[in-house]
Amino acid sequence: MTAATPTPLTIDFVSDVSCPWCAIGLHALEQAAQRLQGEVALQLHFQPFELNPQMGPEGQDIAEHLFEKYGATPEQSQKNRDAITERGAALGFTFQMGQRSRIYNTFDAHRLLHWAGEEGAPGQQLALKHALFKAYFTDGQNPGSHEVLLRLADAVGLDAARARAVLESEEFGDAVREQEAFYQHNGIHSVPAVIINGRHLIQGGQPVEVFEEALRKIAAQG
């Protein structure tokens, strides 16, 4: 008896590399896909969203930023950090929230991710996304730093010389802005936003079970 072919599902994962719930959402989505191995095959594409497009290159103290943007008190921020750390640990991802003392501009990270999706080998854009999440949330590094970005690109097997050329130019800048505008125009104002087959939206860093159920139902629709 021939095994059934997994149903391919196209995933546009709209997110920012400085968004903790995006890291949680990606890990939960991948674990849901693992549970459905043999039933579904995800074709992941990472789409840009900047939480802080006006952020300067020097960044901003995160406690100051959260108070200015959301009015969050230190107690509220700590409670949120604890919840994020707990969710991450359950998914096998380490948030070292004490390391993450500043928030940074992520536009160049999105340009590099776009390039990896356009010119990289299969799986390299995903590998770079994971590397960016780890660099920021686990290691406390600046995802806007060209030095950090070049090191990560090289570590996941991308062409280091080409990565440097992209970062030292404005290449893919217009493409990133166009994608950001497209998703905002279509109602995406918070992330992560997981769009399946261009028409099914799952919003937020949902539990594995929520993604699993949604993927199974959408695959069954054919």
Foldseek 3Di string as FASTA:
>chain_A
DDQDAAQEKEKEWEDFLQDLQSVLQVLLLVVLVVVCVSHYDYDYAYAYDWPCQPADAVFAFPQVVCCVPPVDDPVNVVVVVVVSQVSQVVSVHHFPPVLQGGAGHQLLVNQLLVCCVVPNDPPLSVQLSVLSNCCCGVVNDHNVDLVSSLVSCVVSPHDSVVSVVCSVDCPCVVVNVVRNVVVVVVPDDDDRWIQIPNHDTDHTSDHSVVSNVVVNVVSVVD
